[in-house]
Amino acid sequence: PDRVWNDDWDGNPVVINDHLIEGGENSWFYVYKLNRKYTAQ
């Protein structure tokens, strides 16, 4: 709802130190802690 321009994702995501770093065409900048792991299977 608070996007300023569009809603696309053009940049390729940066993944470093278990974090996903990306900017959106909605004009917001994001960082996510991924918490990657494997299941028991």
All heavy atoms as atom14 arrays in JSON, in Angstrom:
{
  "sequence": "PDRVWNDDWDGNPVVINDHLIEGGENSWFYVYKLNRKYTAQ",
  "atom14_mask": [
    [1, 1, 1, 1, 1, 1, 1, 0, 0, 0, 0, 0, 0, 0],
    [1, 1, 1, 1, 1, 1, 1, 1, 0, 0, 0, 0, 0, 0],
    [1, 1, 1, 1, 1, 1, 1, 1, 1, 1, 1, 0, 0, 0],
    [1, 1, 1, 1, 1, 1, 1, 0, 0, 0, 0, 0, 0, 0],
    [1, 1, 1, 1, 1, 1, 1, 1, 1, 1, 1, 1, 1, 1],
    [1, 1, 1, 1, 1, 1, 1, 1, 0, 0, 0, 0, 0, 0],
    [1, 1, 1, 1, 1, 1, 1, 1, 0, 0, 0, 0, 0, 0],
    [1, 1, 1, 1, 1, 1, 1, 1, 0, 0, 0, 0, 0, 0],
    [1, 1, 1, 1, 1, 1, 1, 1, 1, 1, 1, 1, 1, 1],
    [1, 1, 1, 1, 1, 1, 1, 1, 0, 0, 0, 0, 0, 0],
    [1, 1, 1, 1, 0, 0, 0, 0, 0, 0, 0, 0, 0, 0],
    [1, 1, 1, 1, 1, 1, 1, 1, 0, 0, 0, 0, 0, 0],
    [1, 1, 1, 1, 1, 1, 1, 0, 0, 0, 0, 0, 0, 0],
    [1, 1, 1, 1, 1, 1, 1, 0, 0, 0, 0, 0, 0, 0],
    [1, 1, 1, 1, 1, 1, 1, 0, 0, 0, 0, 0, 0, 0],
    [1, 1, 1, 1, 1, 1, 1, 1, 0, 0, 0, 0, 0, 0],
    [1, 1, 1, 1, 1, 1, 1, 1, 0, 0, 0, 0, 0, 0],
    [1, 1, 1, 1, 1, 1, 1, 1, 0, 0, 0, 0, 0, 0],
    [1, 1, 1, 1, 1, 1, 1, 1, 1, 1, 0, 0, 0, 0],
    [1, 1, 1, 1, 1, 1, 1, 1, 0, 0, 0, 0, 0, 0],
    [1, 1, 1, 1, 1, 1, 1, 1, 0, 0, 0, 0, 0, 0],
    [1, 1, 1, 1, 1, 1, 1, 1, 1, 0, 0, 0, 0, 0],
    [1, 1, 1, 1, 0, 0, 0, 0, 0, 0, 0, 0, 0, 0],
    [1, 1, 1, 1, 0, 0, 0, 0, 0, 0, 0, 0, 0, 0],
    [1, 1, 1, 1, 1, 1, 1, 1, 1, 0, 0, 0, 0, 0],
    [1, 1, 1, 1, 1, 1, 1, 1, 0, 0, 0, 0, 0, 0],
    [1, 1, 1, 1, 1, 1, 0, 0, 0, 0, 0, 0, 0, 0],
    [1, 1, 1, 1, 1, 1, 1, 1, 1, 1, 1, 1, 1, 1],
    [1, 1, 1, 1, 1, 1, 1, 1, 1, 1, 1, 0, 0, 0],
    [1, 1, 1, 1, 1, 1, 1, 1, 1, 1, 1, 1, 0, 0],
    [1, 1, 1, 1, 1, 1, 1, 0, 0, 0, 0, 0, 0, 0],
    [1, 1, 1, 1, 1, 1, 1, 1, 1, 1, 1, 1, 0, 0],
    [1, 1, 1, 1, 1, 1, 1, 1, 1, 0, 0, 0, 0, 0],
    [1, 1, 1, 1, 1, 1, 1, 1, 0, 0, 0, 0, 0, 0],
    [1, 1, 1, 1, 1, 1, 1, 1, 0, 0, 0, 0, 0, 0],
    [1, 1, 1, 1, 1, 1, 1, 1, 1, 1, 1, 0, 0, 0],
    [1, 1, 1, 1, 1, 1, 1, 1, 1, 0, 0, 0, 0, 0],
    [1, 1, 1, 1, 1, 1, 1, 1, 1, 1, 1, 1, 0, 0],
    [1, 1, 1, 1, 1, 1, 1, 0, 0, 0, 0, 0, 0, 0],
    [1, 1, 1, 1, 1, 0, 0, 0, 0, 0, 0, 0, 0, 0],
    [1, 1, 1, 1, 1, 1, 1, 1, 1, 0, 0, 0, 0, 0]
  ],
  "atom14_positions": [
    [[0.81, -1.23, 0.0], [0.0, 0.0, 0.0], [0.84, 1.27, 0.0], [0.38, 2.31, -0.5], [-0.83, -0.13, 1.29], [-0.82, -1.58, 1.61], [0.49, -2.11, 1.14], [0.0, 0.0, 0.0], [0.0, 0.0, 0.0], [0.0, 0.0, 0.0], [0.0, 0.0, 0.0], [0.0, 0.0, 0.0], [0.0, 0.0, 0.0], [0.0, 0.0, 0.0]],
    [[2.05, 1.2, 0.55], [2.89, 2.4, 0.65], [3.95, 2.45, -0.45], [4.93, 3.18, -0.33], [3.55, 2.48, 2.02], [4.35, 1.23, 2.38], [4.41, 0.29, 1.55], [4.89, 1.18, 3.5], [0.0, 0.0, 0.0], [0.0, 0.0, 0.0], [0.0, 0.0, 0.0], [0.0, 0.0, 0.0], [0.0, 0.0, 0.0], [0.0, 0.0, 0.0]],
    [[3.77, 1.7, -1.53], [4.73, 1.77, -2.62], [4.66, 3.17, -3.25], [3.6, 3.77, -3.31], [4.45, 0.69, -3.67], [3.16, 0.87, -4.43], [2.83, -0.34, -5.28], [1.62, -0.13, -6.08], [0.38, -0.22, -5.62], [0.17, -0.52, -4.35], [-0.64, -0.01, -6.42], [0.0, 0.0, 0.0], [0.0, 0.0, 0.0], [0.0, 0.0, 0.0]],
    [[5.79, 3.63, -3.75], [5.82, 4.97, -4.33], [5.73, 4.89, -5.85], [5.15, 5.75, -6.49], [7.09, 5.72, -3.89], [7.22, 7.05, -4.61], [7.06, 5.94, -2.38], [0.0, 0.0, 0.0], [0.0, 0.0, 0.0], [0.0, 0.0, 0.0], [0.0, 0.0, 0.0], [0.0, 0.0, 0.0], [0.0, 0.0, 0.0], [0.0, 0.0, 0.0]],
    [[6.28, 3.87, -6.44], [6.28, 3.81, -7.89], [5.63, 2.52, -8.37], [4.45, 2.43, -8.56], [7.71, 3.97, -8.44], [7.75, 4.04, -9.94], [8.36, 3.17, -10.79], [7.15, 5.03, -10.77], [8.17, 3.55, -12.09], [7.43, 4.7, -12.12], [6.39, 6.18, -10.52], [7.0, 5.46, -13.2], [5.96, 6.94, -11.6], [6.26, 6.58, -12.92]],
    [[6.41, 1.45, -8.5], [5.91, 0.24, -9.13], [5.97, -0.91, -8.14], [6.15, -0.69, -6.94], [6.74, -0.06, -10.39], [5.95, -0.77, -11.47], [5.02, -1.5, -11.19], [6.35, -0.57, -12.71], [0.0, 0.0, 0.0], [0.0, 0.0, 0.0], [0.0, 0.0, 0.0], [0.0, 0.0, 0.0], [0.0, 0.0, 0.0], [0.0, 0.0, 0.0]],
    [[5.87, -2.14, -8.61], [5.9, -3.28, -7.7], [6.76, -4.42, -8.23], [6.64, -5.55, -7.8], [4.47, -3.78, -7.43], [3.6, -3.78, -8.67], [4.15, -3.89, -9.78], [2.37, -3.66, -8.53], [0.0, 0.0, 0.0], [0.0, 0.0, 0.0], [0.0, 0.0, 0.0], [0.0, 0.0, 0.0], [0.0, 0.0, 0.0], [0.0, 0.0, 0.0]],
    [[7.63, -4.11, -9.17], [8.52, -5.08, -9.79], [9.8, -5.25, -8.95], [10.04, -4.5, -8.0], [8.86, -4.59, -11.2], [9.45, -5.66, -12.09], [9.62, -6.8, -11.61], [9.75, -5.36, -13.25], [0.0, 0.0, 0.0], [0.0, 0.0, 0.0], [0.0, 0.0, 0.0], [0.0, 0.0, 0.0], [0.0, 0.0, 0.0], [0.0, 0.0, 0.0]],
    [[10.62, -6.22, -9.34], [11.93, -6.43, -8.73], [12.94, -6.6, -9.87], [12.98, -7.64, -10.52], [11.94, -7.67, -7.84], [10.87, -7.7, -6.79], [9.59, -8.14, -6.93], [11.0, -7.25, -5.45], [8.91, -8.0, -5.75], [9.75, -7.47, -4.82], [12.05, -6.7, -4.7], [9.53, -7.14, -3.48], [11.82, -6.38, -3.37], [10.57, -6.61, -2.77]],
    [[13.75, -5.58, -10.14], [14.68, -5.63, -11.27], [16.08, -6.09, -10.87], [16.73, -6.81, -11.62], [14.79, -4.24, -11.91], [13.68, -3.99, -12.92], [12.71, -4.77, -12.92], [13.77, -3.01, -13.68], [0.0, 0.0, 0.0], [0.0, 0.0, 0.0], [0.0, 0.0, 0.0], [0.0, 0.0, 0.0], [0.0, 0.0, 0.0], [0.0, 0.0, 0.0]],
    [[16.57, -5.62, -9.74], [17.94, -5.94, -9.34], [18.06, -7.4, -8.95], [17.14, -8.0, -8.42], [0.0, 0.0, 0.0], [0.0, 0.0, 0.0], [0.0, 0.0, 0.0], [0.0, 0.0, 0.0], [0.0, 0.0, 0.0], [0.0, 0.0, 0.0], [0.0, 0.0, 0.0], [0.0, 0.0, 0.0], [0.0, 0.0, 0.0], [0.0, 0.0, 0.0]],
    [[19.25, -7.99, -9.23], [19.42, -9.37, -8.77], [19.8, -9.35, -7.28], [20.6, -8.53, -6.84], [20.45, -10.12, -9.61], [21.87, -9.73, -9.34], [22.25, -8.61, -9.63], [22.64, -10.64, -8.79], [0.0, 0.0, 0.0], [0.0, 0.0, 0.0], [0.0, 0.0, 0.0], [0.0, 0.0, 0.0], [0.0, 0.0, 0.0], [0.0, 0.0, 0.0]],
    [[19.18, -10.23, -6.48], [19.38, -10.18, -5.04], [20.83, -10.48, -4.65], [21.5, -11.31, -5.27], [18.45, -11.28, -4.52], [17.44, -11.5, -5.61], [18.19, -11.23, -6.88], [0.0, 0.0, 0.0], [0.0, 0.0, 0.0], [0.0, 0.0, 0.0], [0.0, 0.0, 0.0], [0.0, 0.0, 0.0], [0.0, 0.0, 0.0], [0.0, 0.0, 0.0]],
    [[21.3, -9.78, -3.64], [22.6, -10.06, -3.04], [22.38, -10.98, -1.84], [21.53, -10.69, -0.98], [23.29, -8.76, -2.58], [24.61, -9.07, -1.88], [23.53, -7.84, -3.77], [0.0, 0.0, 0.0], [0.0, 0.0, 0.0], [0.0, 0.0, 0.0], [0.0, 0.0, 0.0], [0.0, 0.0, 0.0], [0.0, 0.0, 0.0], [0.0, 0.0, 0.0]],
    [[23.12, -12.09, -1.78], [23.05, -13.0, -0.63], [24.43, -13.07, -0.01], [25.4, -13.5, -0.66], [22.57, -14.4, -1.07], [22.57, -15.35, 0.13], [21.18, -14.31, -1.68], [0.0, 0.0, 0.0], [0.0, 0.0, 0.0], [0.0, 0.0, 0.0], [0.0, 0.0, 0.0], [0.0, 0.0, 0.0], [0.0, 0.0, 0.0], [0.0, 0.0, 0.0]],
    [[24.53, -12.62, 1.24], [25.82, -12.57, 1.92], [25.6, -12.71, 3.41], [24.69, -12.1, 3.98], [26.57, -11.26, 1.57], [27.98, -11.25, 2.15], [25.79, -10.03, 2.01], [28.84, -10.13, 1.61], [0.0, 0.0, 0.0], [0.0, 0.0, 0.0], [0.0, 0.0, 0.0], [0.0, 0.0, 0.0], [0.0, 0.0, 0.0], [0.0, 0.0, 0.0]],
    [[26.4, -13.57, 4.05], [26.31, -13.79, 5.5], [24.89, -14.15, 5.94], [24.4, -13.66, 6.95], [26.8, -12.55, 6.26], [28.26, -12.24, 6.0], [29.06, -13.15, 5.74], [28.62, -10.98, 6.03], [0.0, 0.0, 0.0], [0.0, 0.0, 0.0], [0.0, 0.0, 0.0], [0.0, 0.0, 0.0], [0.0, 0.0, 0.0], [0.0, 0.0, 0.0]],
    [[24.24, -15.01, 5.16], [22.89, -15.5, 5.45], [21.85, -14.38, 5.41], [20.79, -14.48, 6.01], [22.83, -16.22, 6.8], [21.59, -17.12, 6.92], [21.21, -17.74, 5.91], [20.99, -17.17, 8.01], [0.0, 0.0, 0.0], [0.0, 0.0, 0.0], [0.0, 0.0, 0.0], [0.0, 0.0, 0.0], [0.0, 0.0, 0.0], [0.0, 0.0, 0.0]],
    [[22.14, -13.3, 4.69], [21.19, -12.21, 4.52], [20.89, -12.0, 3.04], [21.8, -12.08, 2.19], [21.73, -10.9, 5.11], [21.68, -10.86, 6.61], [22.57, -11.54, 7.4], [20.84, -10.21, 7.46], [22.29, -11.32, 8.68], [21.25, -10.51, 8.74], [0.0, 0.0, 0.0], [0.0, 0.0, 0.0], [0.0, 0.0, 0.0], [0.0, 0.0, 0.0]],
    [[19.64, -11.73, 2.73], [19.19, -11.37, 1.39], [19.0, -9.85, 1.35], [18.26, -9.29, 2.17], [17.88, -12.08, 1.07], [17.13, -11.67, -0.19], [17.92, -12.04, -1.43], [15.75, -12.34, -0.24], [0.0, 0.0, 0.0], [0.0, 0.0, 0.0], [0.0, 0.0, 0.0], [0.0, 0.0, 0.0], [0.0, 0.0, 0.0], [0.0, 0.0, 0.0]],
    [[19.66, -9.18, 0.39], [19.64, -7.73, 0.3], [19.11, -7.34, -1.06], [19.63, -7.79, -2.09], [21.06, -7.15, 0.52], [21.67, -7.68, 1.83], [21.02, -5.63, 0.53], [23.14, -7.39, 1.98], [0.0, 0.0, 0.0], [0.0, 0.0, 0.0], [0.0, 0.0, 0.0], [0.0, 0.0, 0.0], [0.0, 0.0, 0.0], [0.0, 0.0, 0.0]],
    [[18.07, -6.5, -1.1], [17.41, -6.2, -2.37], [16.68, -4.87, -2.29], [16.17, -4.48, -1.22], [16.42, -7.32, -2.69], [15.59, -7.14, -3.94], [16.34, -7.33, -5.24], [17.45, -6.77, -5.36], [15.83, -8.03, -6.13], [0.0, 0.0, 0.0], [0.0, 0.0, 0.0], [0.0, 0.0, 0.0], [0.0, 0.0, 0.0], [0.0, 0.0, 0.0]],
    [[16.62, -4.18, -3.42], [15.79, -2.99, -3.54], [14.64, -3.27, -4.49], [14.8, -4.02, -5.46], [0.0, 0.0, 0.0], [0.0, 0.0, 0.0], [0.0, 0.0, 0.0], [0.0, 0.0, 0.0], [0.0, 0.0, 0.0], [0.0, 0.0, 0.0], [0.0, 0.0, 0.0], [0.0, 0.0, 0.0], [0.0, 0.0, 0.0], [0.0, 0.0, 0.0]],
    [[13.48, -2.69, -4.24], [12.3, -2.94, -5.04], [11.88, -1.74, -5.86], [12.19, -0.59, -5.51], [0.0, 0.0, 0.0], [0.0, 0.0, 0.0], [0.0, 0.0, 0.0], [0.0, 0.0, 0.0], [0.0, 0.0, 0.0], [0.0, 0.0, 0.0], [0.0, 0.0, 0.0], [0.0, 0.0, 0.0], [0.0, 0.0, 0.0], [0.0, 0.0, 0.0]],
    [[11.15, -2.02, -6.93], [10.59, -0.91, -7.69], [9.49, -0.19, -6.91], [9.01, 0.86, -7.34], [10.06, -1.39, -9.05], [11.13, -1.51, -10.1], [10.57, -1.42, -11.51], [9.58, -0.68, -11.73], [11.12, -2.08, -12.4], [0.0, 0.0, 0.0], [0.0, 0.0, 0.0], [0.0, 0.0, 0.0], [0.0, 0.0, 0.0], [0.0, 0.0, 0.0]],
    [[9.08, -0.76, -5.77], [8.15, -0.04, -4.91], [8.88, 1.06, -4.12], [8.27, 1.72, -3.29], [7.42, -0.99, -3.97], [8.35, -1.74, -3.02], [9.55, -1.48, -2.97], [7.8, -2.68, -2.28], [0.0, 0.0, 0.0], [0.0, 0.0, 0.0], [0.0, 0.0, 0.0], [0.0, 0.0, 0.0], [0.0, 0.0, 0.0], [0.0, 0.0, 0.0]],
    [[10.2, 1.19, -4.39], [11.05, 2.27, -3.85], [11.54, 2.0, -2.43], [12.13, 2.88, -1.8], [10.34, 3.63, -3.9], [9.86, 3.88, -5.21], [0.0, 0.0, 0.0], [0.0, 0.0, 0.0], [0.0, 0.0, 0.0], [0.0, 0.0, 0.0], [0.0, 0.0, 0.0], [0.0, 0.0, 0.0], [0.0, 0.0, 0.0], [0.0, 0.0, 0.0]],
    [[11.35, 0.78, -1.94], [11.81, 0.41, -0.6], [13.04, -0.5, -0.68], [13.19, -1.28, -1.62], [10.7, -0.29, 0.18], [9.57, 0.63, 0.56], [8.55, 1.07, -0.24], [9.37, 1.26, 1.82], [7.72, 1.92, 0.44], [8.19, 2.06, 1.72], [10.04, 1.23, 3.04], [7.7, 2.81, 2.79], [9.54, 1.98, 4.1], [8.39, 2.76, 3.97]],
    [[13.88, -0.4, 0.35], [15.11, -1.19, 0.47], [14.91, -2.23, 1.57], [14.44, -1.91, 2.66], [16.29, -0.27, 0.8], [17.57, -0.99, 1.12], [18.3, -1.61, 0.12], [18.05, -1.02, 2.42], [19.48, -2.27, 0.41], [19.25, -1.67, 2.72], [19.96, -2.29, 1.71], [0.0, 0.0, 0.0], [0.0, 0.0, 0.0], [0.0, 0.0, 0.0]],
    [[15.3, -3.49, 1.28], [15.01, -4.59, 2.18], [16.27, -5.38, 2.52], [17.16, -5.56, 1.68], [14.04, -5.59, 1.53], [12.68, -5.04, 1.2], [12.44, -4.38, 0.0], [11.61, -5.2, 2.08], [11.18, -3.89, -0.31], [10.35, -4.72, 1.78], [10.14, -4.06, 0.58], [8.89, -3.58, 0.28], [0.0, 0.0, 0.0], [0.0, 0.0, 0.0]],
    [[16.29, -5.9, 3.75], [17.26, -6.9, 4.16], [16.51, -7.97, 4.94], [15.74, -7.65, 5.86], [18.4, -6.32, 5.04], [19.37, -7.43, 5.44], [19.14, -5.2, 4.31], [0.0, 0.0, 0.0], [0.0, 0.0, 0.0], [0.0, 0.0, 0.0], [0.0, 0.0, 0.0], [0.0, 0.0, 0.0], [0.0, 0.0, 0.0], [0.0, 0.0, 0.0]],
    [[16.72, -9.24, 4.57], [16.1, -10.37, 5.27], [17.19, -11.29, 5.8], [18.15, -11.63, 5.1], [15.21, -11.19, 4.34], [13.89, -10.53, 4.01], [13.77, -9.66, 2.93], [12.76, -10.79, 4.78], [12.56, -9.05, 2.62], [11.54, -10.18, 4.48], [11.45, -9.32, 3.41], [10.25, -8.72, 3.12], [0.0, 0.0, 0.0], [0.0, 0.0, 0.0]],
    [[17.03, -11.73, 7.05], [17.85, -12.81, 7.58], [17.22, -14.11, 7.09], [16.06, -14.4, 7.35], [17.87, -12.77, 9.11], [18.65, -13.9, 9.76], [20.14, -13.67, 9.65], [20.93, -14.59, 10.61], [20.78, -16.02, 10.32], [0.0, 0.0, 0.0], [0.0, 0.0, 0.0], [0.0, 0.0, 0.0], [0.0, 0.0, 0.0], [0.0, 0.0, 0.0]],
    [[17.99, -14.91, 6.34], [17.42, -16.05, 5.63], [17.19, -17.27, 6.53], [16.24, -18.02, 6.33], [18.33, -16.46, 4.47], [18.34, -15.49, 3.29], [19.48, -15.83, 2.33], [17.01, -15.52, 2.57], [0.0, 0.0, 0.0], [0.0, 0.0, 0.0], [0.0, 0.0, 0.0], [0.0, 0.0, 0.0], [0.0, 0.0, 0.0], [0.0, 0.0, 0.0]],
    [[18.08, -17.5, 7.5], [17.98, -18.67, 8.36], [17.92, -19.96, 7.53], [17.04, -20.81, 7.69], [16.76, -18.57, 9.28], [16.84, -17.37, 10.2], [17.81, -17.22, 10.95], [15.85, -16.49, 10.15], [0.0, 0.0, 0.0], [0.0, 0.0, 0.0], [0.0, 0.0, 0.0], [0.0, 0.0, 0.0], [0.0, 0.0, 0.0], [0.0, 0.0, 0.0]],
    [[18.89, -20.11, 6.64], [18.98, -21.31, 5.81], [19.43, -22.51, 6.64], [20.32, -22.39, 7.48], [19.97, -21.08, 4.66], [19.63, -19.95, 3.73], [20.83, -19.57, 2.88], [21.93, -19.07, 3.71], [23.13, -18.74, 3.25], [23.39, -18.85, 1.96], [24.06, -18.3, 4.06], [0.0, 0.0, 0.0], [0.0, 0.0, 0.0], [0.0, 0.0, 0.0]],
    [[18.86, -23.65, 6.37], [19.3, -24.88, 7.02], [18.72, -26.08, 6.28], [17.95, -25.91, 5.32], [18.89, -24.91, 8.49], [17.39, -24.95, 8.74], [17.1, -25.01, 10.23], [15.6, -25.12, 10.5], [15.31, -25.22, 11.95], [0.0, 0.0, 0.0], [0.0, 0.0, 0.0], [0.0, 0.0, 0.0], [0.0, 0.0, 0.0], [0.0, 0.0, 0.0]],
    [[19.08, -27.27, 6.74], [18.55, -28.5, 6.17], [17.67, -29.2, 7.2], [17.96, -29.17, 8.41], [19.67, -29.43, 5.73], [20.45, -28.93, 4.54], [21.67, -28.27, 4.71], [19.99, -29.11, 3.25], [22.39, -27.81, 3.62], [20.7, -28.65, 2.15], [21.9, -28.0, 2.34], [22.6, -27.54, 1.26], [0.0, 0.0, 0.0], [0.0, 0.0, 0.0]],
    [[16.62, -29.86, 6.72], [15.77, -30.65, 7.6], [16.46, -31.96, 7.93], [17.5, -32.31, 7.37], [14.42, -30.93, 6.92], [14.65, -31.8, 5.79], [13.74, -29.66, 6.46], [0.0, 0.0, 0.0], [0.0, 0.0, 0.0], [0.0, 0.0, 0.0], [0.0, 0.0, 0.0], [0.0, 0.0, 0.0], [0.0, 0.0, 0.0], [0.0, 0.0, 0.0]],
    [[15.83, -32.72, 8.83], [16.36, -34.04, 9.18], [16.38, -34.96, 7.97], [17.18, -35.9, 7.9], [15.52, -34.65, 10.3], [0.0, 0.0, 0.0], [0.0, 0.0, 0.0], [0.0, 0.0, 0.0], [0.0, 0.0, 0.0], [0.0, 0.0, 0.0], [0.0, 0.0, 0.0], [0.0, 0.0, 0.0], [0.0, 0.0, 0.0], [0.0, 0.0, 0.0]],
    [[15.51, -34.68, 7.0], [15.46, -35.47, 5.78], [16.43, -34.96, 4.71], [16.5, -35.5, 3.6], [14.04, -35.48, 5.2], [13.02, -36.21, 6.04], [12.64, -35.44, 7.3], [12.56, -34.2, 7.27], [12.43, -36.16, 8.41], [0.0, 0.0, 0.0], [0.0, 0.0, 0.0], [0.0, 0.0, 0.0], [0.0, 0.0, 0.0], [0.0, 0.0, 0.0]]
  ]
}
